[in-house]
C-alpha cells in the first residue's frame, strides 16, 4: 500500500519556503508536489527547501517529478536545497545527477541552520 505524499509549505524565513514532505514520492505525489511548489512560488520564495526527512520511498516517477520541479525552479530563478535525504537517496541523486541542479544539505540540530554539504 502506498503512503500518499503530504506536503506542508512552511514560510517562516523571508524569501524561503520549506516543503516538508511526509510519505512516498511516486506518481500519486504529482498534484500534491506541484501544488506545494505553486504555494512556494506564490509566497515569493527565492529559495525552496525540499525536506525529505519524513519521506519513506522515492521511485523513478518520483525522481521525474523532482526533475520537473527543478526545471520550474530554474525557469523561475529559484534555488533548490534538498534536506534530510538518507544515504541511499543521496547516492541516487548523485547517480542521476540531480545533485548538479540542487544543493544537498545536512540537517543540523534545531538550534542551527542546515549546513550545506559538498556536491
N, C-alpha and C. Protein backbone atom coordinates (compact mmCIF):
# COMPACT_ATOMS: atom_id res chain seq x y z
N UNK A 1 0.84 -1.18 0.00
CA UNK A 1 0.00 0.00 0.00
C UNK A 1 0.89 1.25 0.00
N UNK A 2 0.54 2.18 -0.85
CA UNK A 2 1.32 3.41 -0.97
C UNK A 2 0.95 4.38 0.13
N UNK A 3 1.96 4.96 0.74
CA UNK A 3 1.75 6.01 1.73
C UNK A 3 1.73 7.33 0.97
N UNK A 4 0.55 7.86 0.71
CA UNK A 4 0.40 9.08 -0.09
C UNK A 4 1.21 10.23 0.49
N UNK A 5 1.72 11.04 -0.41
CA UNK A 5 2.54 12.17 -0.01
C UNK A 5 1.67 13.31 0.51
N UNK A 6 2.10 13.87 1.62
CA UNK A 6 1.53 15.11 2.15
C UNK A 6 2.67 16.10 2.22
N UNK A 7 2.39 17.35 1.86
CA UNK A 7 3.43 18.38 1.88
C UNK A 7 2.90 19.59 2.62
N UNK A 8 3.65 20.01 3.62
CA UNK A 8 3.35 21.25 4.33
C UNK A 8 4.34 22.30 3.85
N UNK A 9 3.84 23.44 3.40
CA UNK A 9 4.70 24.52 2.94
C UNK A 9 4.90 25.48 4.12
N UNK A 10 6.15 25.58 4.56
CA UNK A 10 6.50 26.41 5.71
C UNK A 10 7.29 27.62 5.22
N UNK A 11 6.83 28.81 5.57
CA UNK A 11 7.48 30.05 5.10
C UNK A 11 7.80 30.96 6.27
N UNK A 12 8.65 30.50 7.18
CA UNK A 12 9.00 31.30 8.35
C UNK A 12 10.11 32.29 8.09
N UNK A 13 10.97 32.01 7.11
CA UNK A 13 12.08 32.90 6.76
C UNK A 13 11.73 33.63 5.47
N UNK A 14 11.83 34.96 5.45
CA UNK A 14 11.51 35.70 4.22
C UNK A 14 12.34 35.20 3.03
N UNK A 15 11.66 34.98 1.91
CA UNK A 15 12.34 34.54 0.70
C UNK A 15 12.61 33.05 0.64
N UNK A 16 12.17 32.31 1.64
CA UNK A 16 12.46 30.88 1.70
C UNK A 16 11.18 30.11 2.00
N UNK A 17 10.99 29.01 1.30
CA UNK A 17 9.85 28.13 1.56
C UNK A 17 10.38 26.71 1.72
N UNK A 18 9.95 26.05 2.80
CA UNK A 18 10.35 24.66 3.04
C UNK A 18 9.15 23.78 2.74
N UNK A 19 9.35 22.81 1.85
CA UNK A 19 8.32 21.85 1.52
C UNK A 19 8.59 20.61 2.34
N UNK A 20 7.92 20.52 3.49
CA UNK A 20 8.10 19.41 4.42
C UNK A 20 7.23 18.25 3.95
N UNK A 21 7.87 17.24 3.39
CA UNK A 21 7.15 16.10 2.79
C UNK A 21 7.08 14.94 3.77
N UNK A 22 5.94 14.22 3.70
CA UNK A 22 5.75 13.02 4.50
C UNK A 22 5.05 11.98 3.63
N UNK A 23 5.67 10.82 3.47
CA UNK A 23 5.08 9.75 2.66
C UNK A 23 5.99 9.35 1.53
N UNK A 24 5.39 8.92 0.43
CA UNK A 24 6.14 8.43 -0.73
C UNK A 24 6.09 9.44 -1.86
N UNK A 25 7.21 9.56 -2.57
CA UNK A 25 7.26 10.41 -3.76
C UNK A 25 7.17 9.46 -4.95
N UNK A 26 5.97 9.36 -5.49
CA UNK A 26 5.69 8.49 -6.63
C UNK A 26 4.62 9.14 -7.49
N UNK A 27 4.02 8.42 -8.40
CA UNK A 27 3.05 9.01 -9.32
C UNK A 27 1.90 9.68 -8.58
N UNK A 28 1.52 9.16 -7.43
CA UNK A 28 0.42 9.74 -6.66
C UNK A 28 0.79 11.11 -6.07
N UNK A 29 2.07 11.44 -6.06
CA UNK A 29 2.54 12.70 -5.48
C UNK A 29 2.50 13.86 -6.47
N UNK A 30 2.18 13.60 -7.72
CA UNK A 30 2.27 14.61 -8.77
C UNK A 30 1.53 15.90 -8.42
N UNK A 31 0.24 15.83 -8.18
CA UNK A 31 -0.54 17.04 -7.93
C UNK A 31 -0.16 17.71 -6.61
N UNK A 32 0.12 16.91 -5.59
CA UNK A 32 0.46 17.46 -4.28
C UNK A 32 1.77 18.23 -4.35
N UNK A 33 2.77 17.66 -5.00
CA UNK A 33 4.07 18.31 -5.11
C UNK A 33 3.98 19.58 -5.98
N UNK A 34 3.23 19.49 -7.08
CA UNK A 34 3.06 20.67 -7.95
C UNK A 34 2.34 21.79 -7.21
N UNK A 35 1.33 21.46 -6.43
CA UNK A 35 0.59 22.47 -5.66
C UNK A 35 1.48 23.10 -4.60
N UNK A 36 2.31 22.29 -3.95
CA UNK A 36 3.22 22.82 -2.92
C UNK A 36 4.23 23.78 -3.54
N UNK A 37 4.77 23.42 -4.71
CA UNK A 37 5.70 24.33 -5.38
C UNK A 37 4.99 25.63 -5.77
N UNK A 38 3.75 25.53 -6.25
CA UNK A 38 2.97 26.73 -6.61
C UNK A 38 2.76 27.61 -5.38
N UNK A 39 2.51 27.00 -4.22
CA UNK A 39 2.37 27.77 -2.98
C UNK A 39 3.66 28.49 -2.63
N UNK A 40 4.80 27.80 -2.80
CA UNK A 40 6.10 28.43 -2.53
C UNK A 40 6.33 29.59 -3.48
N UNK A 41 5.97 29.41 -4.74
CA UNK A 41 6.12 30.48 -5.72
C UNK A 41 5.22 31.66 -5.38
N UNK A 42 4.00 31.37 -4.95
CA UNK A 42 3.06 32.44 -4.58
C UNK A 42 3.55 33.22 -3.37
N UNK A 43 4.36 32.58 -2.53
CA UNK A 43 4.93 33.24 -1.34
C UNK A 43 6.20 34.01 -1.69
N UNK A 44 6.52 34.10 -2.98
CA UNK A 44 7.71 34.80 -3.48
C UNK A 44 9.02 34.23 -2.94
N UNK A 45 9.05 32.92 -2.75
CA UNK A 45 10.28 32.27 -2.27
C UNK A 45 11.33 32.30 -3.38
N UNK A 46 12.53 32.70 -3.02
CA UNK A 46 13.65 32.64 -3.95
C UNK A 46 14.50 31.41 -3.69
N UNK A 47 14.21 30.75 -2.57
CA UNK A 47 14.90 29.51 -2.18
C UNK A 47 13.83 28.53 -1.71
N UNK A 48 13.84 27.35 -2.32
CA UNK A 48 12.89 26.29 -1.96
C UNK A 48 13.68 25.13 -1.35
N UNK A 49 13.29 24.76 -0.14
CA UNK A 49 13.94 23.65 0.54
C UNK A 49 13.01 22.44 0.47
N UNK A 50 13.49 21.38 -0.17
CA UNK A 50 12.75 20.13 -0.23
C UNK A 50 13.18 19.29 0.96
N UNK A 51 12.32 19.18 1.94
CA UNK A 51 12.63 18.45 3.17
C UNK A 51 12.15 17.01 3.05
N UNK A 52 13.11 16.10 2.83
CA UNK A 52 12.83 14.68 2.64
C UNK A 52 12.92 13.89 3.94
N UNK A 53 13.01 14.58 5.08
CA UNK A 53 13.21 13.92 6.36
C UNK A 53 12.17 12.86 6.71
N UNK A 54 10.94 13.02 6.24
CA UNK A 54 9.88 12.05 6.55
C UNK A 54 9.40 11.32 5.29
N UNK A 55 10.25 11.30 4.25
CA UNK A 55 9.92 10.57 3.03
C UNK A 55 10.45 9.16 3.16
N UNK A 56 9.56 8.19 2.92
CA UNK A 56 9.94 6.79 3.06
C UNK A 56 10.48 6.19 1.77
N UNK A 57 9.98 6.67 0.64
CA UNK A 57 10.26 5.99 -0.63
C UNK A 57 10.17 6.99 -1.77
N UNK A 58 11.12 6.90 -2.71
CA UNK A 58 11.09 7.68 -3.94
C UNK A 58 11.34 6.70 -5.08
N UNK A 59 10.41 6.61 -6.02
CA UNK A 59 10.65 5.73 -7.16
C UNK A 59 11.05 6.55 -8.38
N UNK A 60 11.19 5.89 -9.53
CA UNK A 60 11.67 6.60 -10.73
C UNK A 60 10.69 7.68 -11.17
N UNK A 61 9.41 7.47 -10.99
CA UNK A 61 8.43 8.51 -11.32
C UNK A 61 8.60 9.69 -10.37
N UNK A 62 8.88 9.40 -9.10
CA UNK A 62 9.13 10.47 -8.13
C UNK A 62 10.36 11.28 -8.51
N UNK A 63 11.38 10.60 -8.99
CA UNK A 63 12.59 11.31 -9.46
C UNK A 63 12.20 12.24 -10.62
N UNK A 64 11.35 11.75 -11.53
CA UNK A 64 10.91 12.58 -12.65
C UNK A 64 10.13 13.80 -12.16
N UNK A 65 9.32 13.64 -11.12
CA UNK A 65 8.59 14.77 -10.55
C UNK A 65 9.55 15.80 -9.97
N UNK A 66 10.61 15.32 -9.33
CA UNK A 66 11.61 16.23 -8.76
C UNK A 66 12.35 16.95 -9.89
N UNK A 67 12.65 16.23 -10.97
CA UNK A 67 13.30 16.85 -12.13
C UNK A 67 12.42 17.96 -12.67
N UNK A 68 11.12 17.72 -12.78
CA UNK A 68 10.20 18.75 -13.29
C UNK A 68 10.19 19.97 -12.35
N UNK A 69 10.16 19.71 -11.04
CA UNK A 69 10.18 20.80 -10.07
C UNK A 69 11.48 21.60 -10.22
N UNK A 70 12.60 20.91 -10.40
CA UNK A 70 13.87 21.60 -10.59
C UNK A 70 13.87 22.44 -11.86
N UNK A 71 13.25 21.95 -12.92
CA UNK A 71 13.17 22.71 -14.16
C UNK A 71 12.34 23.98 -13.96
N UNK A 72 11.23 23.85 -13.24
CA UNK A 72 10.40 25.02 -12.96
C UNK A 72 11.16 26.03 -12.09
N UNK A 73 11.86 25.52 -11.09
CA UNK A 73 12.63 26.41 -10.20
C UNK A 73 13.72 27.13 -10.99
N UNK A 74 14.37 26.42 -11.86
CA UNK A 74 15.42 27.04 -12.67
C UNK A 74 14.83 28.13 -13.57
N UNK A 75 13.69 27.81 -14.20
CA UNK A 75 13.00 28.79 -15.04
C UNK A 75 12.62 30.04 -14.24
N UNK A 76 12.23 29.81 -12.98
CA UNK A 76 11.77 30.90 -12.11
C UNK A 76 12.90 31.56 -11.32
N UNK A 77 14.14 31.12 -11.55
CA UNK A 77 15.32 31.66 -10.86
C UNK A 77 15.23 31.45 -9.34
N UNK A 78 14.84 30.23 -8.95
CA UNK A 78 14.79 29.87 -7.53
C UNK A 78 15.86 28.82 -7.25
N UNK A 79 16.55 28.99 -6.13
CA UNK A 79 17.50 27.98 -5.68
C UNK A 79 16.72 26.86 -5.00
N UNK A 80 17.22 25.63 -5.14
CA UNK A 80 16.58 24.48 -4.50
C UNK A 80 17.61 23.76 -3.65
N UNK A 81 17.19 23.43 -2.43
CA UNK A 81 18.03 22.70 -1.48
C UNK A 81 17.28 21.44 -1.08
N UNK A 82 17.99 20.31 -1.04
CA UNK A 82 17.41 19.05 -0.54
C UNK A 82 17.93 18.83 0.87
N UNK A 83 17.02 18.55 1.76
CA UNK A 83 17.35 18.36 3.18
C UNK A 83 16.78 17.03 3.64
N UNK A 84 17.52 16.33 4.48
CA UNK A 84 17.00 15.11 5.10
C UNK A 84 17.04 13.87 4.24
N UNK A 85 17.86 13.88 3.19
CA UNK A 85 17.98 12.68 2.35
C UNK A 85 18.76 11.60 3.08
N UNK A 86 18.30 10.37 2.96
CA UNK A 86 19.06 9.24 3.51
C UNK A 86 20.31 9.05 2.64
N UNK A 87 21.26 8.28 3.14
CA UNK A 87 22.47 7.99 2.36
C UNK A 87 22.11 7.35 1.03
N UNK A 88 21.12 6.46 1.04
CA UNK A 88 20.69 5.78 -0.18
C UNK A 88 20.21 6.79 -1.23
N UNK A 89 19.34 7.70 -0.82
CA UNK A 89 18.81 8.67 -1.78
C UNK A 89 19.83 9.74 -2.14
N UNK A 90 20.77 10.04 -1.27
CA UNK A 90 21.89 10.92 -1.64
C UNK A 90 22.64 10.31 -2.83
N UNK A 91 22.88 9.01 -2.74
CA UNK A 91 23.59 8.30 -3.81
C UNK A 91 22.75 8.30 -5.09
N UNK A 92 21.45 8.08 -4.98
CA UNK A 92 20.57 8.12 -6.15
C UNK A 92 20.61 9.52 -6.79
N UNK A 93 20.56 10.56 -5.97
CA UNK A 93 20.62 11.93 -6.50
C UNK A 93 21.96 12.17 -7.18
N UNK A 94 23.03 11.58 -6.66
CA UNK A 94 24.35 11.72 -7.28
C UNK A 94 24.39 10.97 -8.61
N UNK A 95 23.94 9.73 -8.62
CA UNK A 95 23.97 8.91 -9.84
C UNK A 95 23.12 9.53 -10.95
N UNK A 96 21.95 10.04 -10.60
CA UNK A 96 21.05 10.63 -11.59
C UNK A 96 21.42 12.07 -11.93
N UNK A 97 22.41 12.58 -11.25
CA UNK A 97 22.93 13.94 -11.44
C UNK A 97 21.96 15.02 -11.00
N UNK A 98 20.96 14.67 -10.21
CA UNK A 98 20.10 15.68 -9.62
C UNK A 98 20.92 16.62 -8.74
N UNK A 99 21.95 16.07 -8.12
CA UNK A 99 22.80 16.87 -7.24
C UNK A 99 23.54 17.98 -7.99
N UNK A 100 23.55 17.93 -9.33
CA UNK A 100 24.14 19.01 -10.11
C UNK A 100 23.22 20.23 -10.17
N UNK A 101 21.94 20.04 -9.84
CA UNK A 101 20.95 21.09 -10.02
C UNK A 101 20.31 21.57 -8.72
N UNK A 102 20.76 21.02 -7.62
CA UNK A 102 20.30 21.46 -6.30
C UNK A 102 21.42 21.26 -5.31
N UNK A 103 21.27 21.87 -4.17
CA UNK A 103 22.25 21.70 -3.10
C UNK A 103 21.71 20.68 -2.13
N UNK A 104 22.53 19.71 -1.77
CA UNK A 104 22.15 18.73 -0.75
C UNK A 104 22.73 19.21 0.56
N UNK A 105 21.86 19.43 1.54
CA UNK A 105 22.27 19.96 2.84
C UNK A 105 22.16 18.87 3.90
N UNK A 106 23.03 18.97 4.87
CA UNK A 106 22.97 18.07 6.02
C UNK A 106 22.10 18.71 7.08
N UNK A 107 21.18 17.94 7.66
CA UNK A 107 20.37 18.53 8.74
C UNK A 107 21.23 18.77 9.97
N UNK A 108 20.91 19.81 10.68
CA UNK A 108 21.61 20.15 11.91
C UNK A 108 20.60 20.15 13.05
N UNK A 109 21.06 20.18 14.29
CA UNK A 109 20.12 20.30 15.40
C UNK A 109 19.22 21.51 15.21
N UNK A 110 18.04 21.47 15.81
CA UNK A 110 17.03 22.51 15.61
C UNK A 110 17.52 23.91 15.95
N UNK A 111 18.59 24.05 16.70
CA UNK A 111 19.08 25.36 17.10
C UNK A 111 19.98 26.02 16.04
N UNK A 112 20.33 25.28 14.99
CA UNK A 112 21.18 25.85 13.94
C UNK A 112 20.56 25.64 12.58
N UNK A 113 21.02 26.40 11.61
CA UNK A 113 20.55 26.26 10.23
C UNK A 113 21.24 25.07 9.57
N UNK A 114 20.63 24.53 8.49
CA UNK A 114 21.26 23.41 7.78
C UNK A 114 22.63 23.80 7.25
N UNK A 115 23.54 22.86 7.31
CA UNK A 115 24.88 23.08 6.78
C UNK A 115 24.92 22.47 5.39
N UNK A 116 25.37 23.22 4.41
CA UNK A 116 25.40 22.72 3.06
C UNK A 116 26.54 21.75 2.89
N UNK A 117 26.23 20.62 2.26
CA UNK A 117 27.23 19.58 2.02
C UNK A 117 27.84 19.78 0.64
N UNK A 118 28.96 19.16 0.43
CA UNK A 118 29.61 19.23 -0.87
C UNK A 118 28.76 18.49 -1.89
N UNK A 119 28.78 18.95 -3.10
CA UNK A 119 28.01 18.30 -4.16
C UNK A 119 28.76 17.13 -4.70
